[in-house]
Structure formats: C-alpha cells, structure tokens
Amino acid sequence: MKKGVVLVIVIGIFLVVATLSMASLYLMTQQARINEHKIKRMKARSVAQAAMVKIYAQLRDGQYGPDSSTQTTAIPFDIDGDGIDDMTANVTISPAGSGSAPSGVRPVDITVDY
C-alpha cells in the first residue's frame, strides 16, 4: 500500500516538474524570437539611415537629375561583413513638388525588408 502511495506522489511531482520545464522552455523560445525580431528591426533601421545618407549625398552631387519621373533604386548592404548582402534598402525618389512636398523638394521614400 505504501509503495503505491509513494509511486503516485513521485508521478505527481514528475508531472509538475515536467509542466514547469515545458512552460519555461516555451517562454525562453518566445523571448528568443522576440529578441531576434528586435535585432533585425534595429539593423533594418540602421540600413535605412545609411541609405538615406547615401541618397542625400548623391542628390547633392547631382547624380539624380531634376527628372520629372519617379526613380527607384535598390541599395544592398552587407551588415556582418561576410560578403553576402544581408538587407536591401529600396529607395524611391519622387519628382520635385509631388505629393505634399514643397516646390523644388524631391520626396524620398526608403523601405527595408527584413
């Protein structure tokens, strides 16, 4: 009789420990995914800022003339230095004065897929 009670108690403790282990494993996995997404988002923001600096410099240098058409370009970035482009900034330069932009100002739209 005592062996049966001890077995039930041991099985109950095992189930509690297994449940807690599974719950903590699930939470750690979710946190890892959240952190990975956060890091990718931060890298994408840095890529967008770098693309903005590059495009503004090119606009100042006159590489994009005063065209009346929308110009789209993709700028690849190798973030980790392994020679493989990790992210690409898609840049759209609209004609001067288009949308809500003042006359003589060319709106620039930058998107990064991550």
C-alpha atoms as a PDB file:
ATOM      1  CA  MET A   1       0.000   0.000   0.000  1.00  0.00           C
ATOM      2  CA  LYS A   2       2.799   2.433   0.910  1.00  0.00           C
ATOM      3  CA  LYS A   3       4.608   1.712  -2.360  1.00  0.00           C
ATOM      4  CA  GLY A   4       1.503   2.672  -4.344  1.00  0.00           C
ATOM      5  CA  VAL A   5       1.134   5.995  -2.475  1.00  0.00           C
ATOM      6  CA  VAL A   6       4.825   6.801  -2.967  1.00  0.00           C
ATOM      7  CA  LEU A   7       4.516   5.972  -6.684  1.00  0.00           C
ATOM      8  CA  VAL A   8       1.522   8.303  -7.075  1.00  0.00           C
ATOM      9  CA  ILE A   9       3.369  11.112  -5.246  1.00  0.00           C
ATOM     10  CA  VAL A  10       6.517  10.633  -7.376  1.00  0.00           C
ATOM     11  CA  ILE A  11       4.462  10.620 -10.590  1.00  0.00           C
ATOM     12  CA  GLY A  12       2.637  13.765  -9.440  1.00  0.00           C
ATOM     13  CA  ILE A  13       5.917  15.555  -8.673  1.00  0.00           C
ATOM     14  CA  PHE A  14       7.318  14.427 -12.017  1.00  0.00           C
ATOM     15  CA  LEU A  15       4.270  15.834 -13.848  1.00  0.00           C
ATOM     16  CA  VAL A  16       4.585  19.177 -12.023  1.00  0.00           C
ATOM     17  CA  VAL A  17       8.306  19.416 -12.832  1.00  0.00           C
ATOM     18  CA  ALA A  18       7.695  18.407 -16.465  1.00  0.00           C
ATOM     19  CA  THR A  19       4.931  21.006 -16.816  1.00  0.00           C
ATOM     20  CA  LEU A  20       7.130  23.741 -15.344  1.00  0.00           C
ATOM     21  CA  SER A  21      10.001  22.695 -17.604  1.00  0.00           C
ATOM     22  CA  MET A  22       7.817  22.828 -20.709  1.00  0.00           C
ATOM     23  CA  ALA A  23       6.413  26.222 -19.716  1.00  0.00           C
ATOM     24  CA  SER A  24       9.872  27.688 -19.133  1.00  0.00           C
ATOM     25  CA  LEU A  25      11.128  26.224 -22.427  1.00  0.00           C
ATOM     26  CA  TYR A  26       8.190  27.815 -24.247  1.00  0.00           C
ATOM     27  CA  LEU A  27       8.825  31.198 -22.611  1.00  0.00           C
ATOM     28  CA  MET A  28      12.543  31.093 -23.424  1.00  0.00           C
ATOM     29  CA  THR A  29      11.788  30.234 -27.049  1.00  0.00           C
ATOM     30  CA  GLN A  30       9.329  33.107 -27.332  1.00  0.00           C
ATOM     31  CA  GLN A  31      11.823  35.537 -25.798  1.00  0.00           C
ATOM     32  CA  ALA A  32      14.490  34.395 -28.253  1.00  0.00           C
ATOM     33  CA  ARG A  33      12.121  35.029 -31.171  1.00  0.00           C
ATOM     34  CA  ILE A  34      11.174  38.451 -29.838  1.00  0.00           C
ATOM     35  CA  ASN A  35      14.836  39.391 -29.377  1.00  0.00           C
ATOM     36  CA  GLU A  36      15.738  38.162 -32.859  1.00  0.00           C
ATOM     37  CA  HIS A  37      12.954  40.258 -34.368  1.00  0.00           C
ATOM     38  CA  LYS A  38      14.067  43.272 -32.339  1.00  0.00           C
ATOM     39  CA  ILE A  39      17.659  42.909 -33.564  1.00  0.00           C
ATOM     40  CA  LYS A  40      16.506  42.595 -37.184  1.00  0.00           C
ATOM     41  CA  ARG A  41      14.343  45.694 -36.760  1.00  0.00           C
ATOM     42  CA  MET A  42      17.283  47.661 -35.353  1.00  0.00           C
ATOM     43  CA  LYS A  43      19.523  46.533 -38.233  1.00  0.00           C
ATOM     44  CA  ALA A  44      16.828  47.498 -40.745  1.00  0.00           C
ATOM     45  CA  ARG A  45      16.591  50.970 -39.204  1.00  0.00           C
ATOM     46  CA  SER A  46      20.371  51.364 -39.463  1.00  0.00           C
ATOM     47  CA  VAL A  47      20.270  50.231 -43.100  1.00  0.00           C
ATOM     48  CA  ALA A  48      17.515  52.755 -43.839  1.00  0.00           C
ATOM     49  CA  GLN A  49      19.513  55.549 -42.202  1.00  0.00           C
ATOM     50  CA  ALA A  50      22.641  54.587 -44.154  1.00  0.00           C
ATOM     51  CA  ALA A  51      20.640  54.507 -47.388  1.00  0.00           C
ATOM     52  CA  MET A  52      19.205  57.928 -46.567  1.00  0.00           C
ATOM     53  CA  VAL A  53      22.686  59.391 -46.059  1.00  0.00           C
ATOM     54  CA  LYS A  54      23.904  57.812 -49.310  1.00  0.00           C
ATOM     55  CA  ILE A  55      20.925  59.000 -51.361  1.00  0.00           C
ATOM     56  CA  TYR A  56      21.064  62.539 -49.936  1.00  0.00           C
ATOM     57  CA  ALA A  57      24.773  62.715 -50.810  1.00  0.00           C
ATOM     58  CA  GLN A  58      24.001  61.513 -54.337  1.00  0.00           C
ATOM     59  CA  LEU A  59      21.203  64.067 -54.658  1.00  0.00           C
ATOM     60  CA  ARG A  60      23.557  66.839 -53.533  1.00  0.00           C
ATOM     61  CA  ASP A  61      26.183  65.676 -56.034  1.00  0.00           C
ATOM     62  CA  GLY A  62      23.600  65.779 -58.829  1.00  0.00           C
ATOM     63  CA  GLN A  63      23.620  62.047 -59.609  1.00  0.00           C
ATOM     64  CA  TYR A  64      19.835  62.174 -59.741  1.00  0.00           C
ATOM     65  CA  GLY A  65      18.979  64.977 -62.103  1.00  0.00           C
ATOM     66  CA  PRO A  66      15.853  67.094 -61.902  1.00  0.00           C
ATOM     67  CA  ASP A  67      13.772  64.445 -63.669  1.00  0.00           C
ATOM     68  CA  SER A  68      10.020  64.705 -63.672  1.00  0.00           C
ATOM     69  CA  SER A  69       9.687  60.945 -63.253  1.00  0.00           C
ATOM     70  CA  THR A  70       9.868  58.753 -60.185  1.00  0.00           C
ATOM     71  CA  GLN A  71      13.211  56.963 -59.817  1.00  0.00           C
ATOM     72  CA  THR A  72      13.571  53.718 -57.887  1.00  0.00           C
ATOM     73  CA  THR A  73      16.817  52.110 -56.838  1.00  0.00           C
ATOM     74  CA  ALA A  74      17.840  49.238 -54.574  1.00  0.00           C
ATOM     75  CA  ILE A  75      20.898  49.585 -52.354  1.00  0.00           C
ATOM     76  CA  PRO A  76      22.256  46.276 -50.991  1.00  0.00           C
ATOM     77  CA  PHE A  77      24.007  46.218 -47.612  1.00  0.00           C
ATOM     78  CA  ASP A  78      26.377  43.631 -46.166  1.00  0.00           C
ATOM     79  CA  ILE A  79      25.877  44.087 -42.417  1.00  0.00           C
ATOM     80  CA  ASP A  80      28.079  41.369 -40.969  1.00  0.00           C
ATOM     81  CA  GLY A  81      30.995  41.672 -43.418  1.00  0.00           C
ATOM     82  CA  ASP A  82      30.753  38.146 -44.809  1.00  0.00           C
ATOM     83  CA  GLY A  83      30.498  39.294 -48.431  1.00  0.00           C
ATOM     84  CA  ILE A  84      26.813  38.415 -48.690  1.00  0.00           C
ATOM     85  CA  ASP A  85      24.216  41.172 -48.879  1.00  0.00           C
ATOM     86  CA  ASP A  86      22.011  40.837 -45.808  1.00  0.00           C
ATOM     87  CA  MET A  87      19.453  43.578 -46.393  1.00  0.00           C
ATOM     88  CA  THR A  88      18.409  45.785 -49.273  1.00  0.00           C
ATOM     89  CA  ALA A  89      17.080  49.319 -48.962  1.00  0.00           C
ATOM     90  CA  ASN A  90      14.509  50.131 -51.629  1.00  0.00           C
ATOM     91  CA  VAL A  91      14.640  53.846 -52.382  1.00  0.00           C
ATOM     92  CA  THR A  92      12.035  55.768 -54.345  1.00  0.00           C
ATOM     93  CA  ILE A  93      12.798  59.359 -55.338  1.00  0.00           C
ATOM     94  CA  SER A  94       9.711  61.236 -56.494  1.00  0.00           C
ATOM     95  CA  PRO A  95       9.624  64.308 -58.734  1.00  0.00           C
ATOM     96  CA  ALA A  96      10.069  67.697 -57.107  1.00  0.00           C
ATOM     97  CA  GLY A  97       6.887  69.107 -55.627  1.00  0.00           C
ATOM     98  CA  SER A  98       4.945  65.844 -55.793  1.00  0.00           C
ATOM     99  CA  GLY A  99       2.538  64.920 -53.032  1.00  0.00           C
ATOM    100  CA  SER A 100       2.671  67.321 -50.112  1.00  0.00           C
ATOM    101  CA  ALA A 101       6.301  68.305 -50.794  1.00  0.00           C
ATOM    102  CA  PRO A 102       7.052  71.975 -51.422  1.00  0.00           C
ATOM    103  CA  SER A 103       8.160  73.110 -54.853  1.00  0.00           C
ATOM    104  CA  GLY A 104      11.771  72.161 -55.556  1.00  0.00           C
ATOM    105  CA  VAL A 105      11.851  69.407 -52.935  1.00  0.00           C
ATOM    106  CA  ARG A 106      12.098  65.770 -54.065  1.00  0.00           C
ATOM    107  CA  PRO A 107      10.417  63.357 -51.622  1.00  0.00           C
ATOM    108  CA  VAL A 108      12.480  60.259 -50.807  1.00  0.00           C
ATOM    109  CA  ASP A 109      10.843  57.052 -49.573  1.00  0.00           C
ATOM    110  CA  ILE A 110      13.042  54.296 -48.128  1.00  0.00           C
ATOM    111  CA  THR A 111      11.838  50.816 -47.199  1.00  0.00           C
ATOM    112  CA  VAL A 112      13.832  47.857 -45.908  1.00  0.00           C
ATOM    113  CA  ASP A 113      12.504  44.300 -45.911  1.00  0.00           C
ATOM    114  CA  TYR A 114      13.818  42.264 -43.023  1.00  0.00           C
END
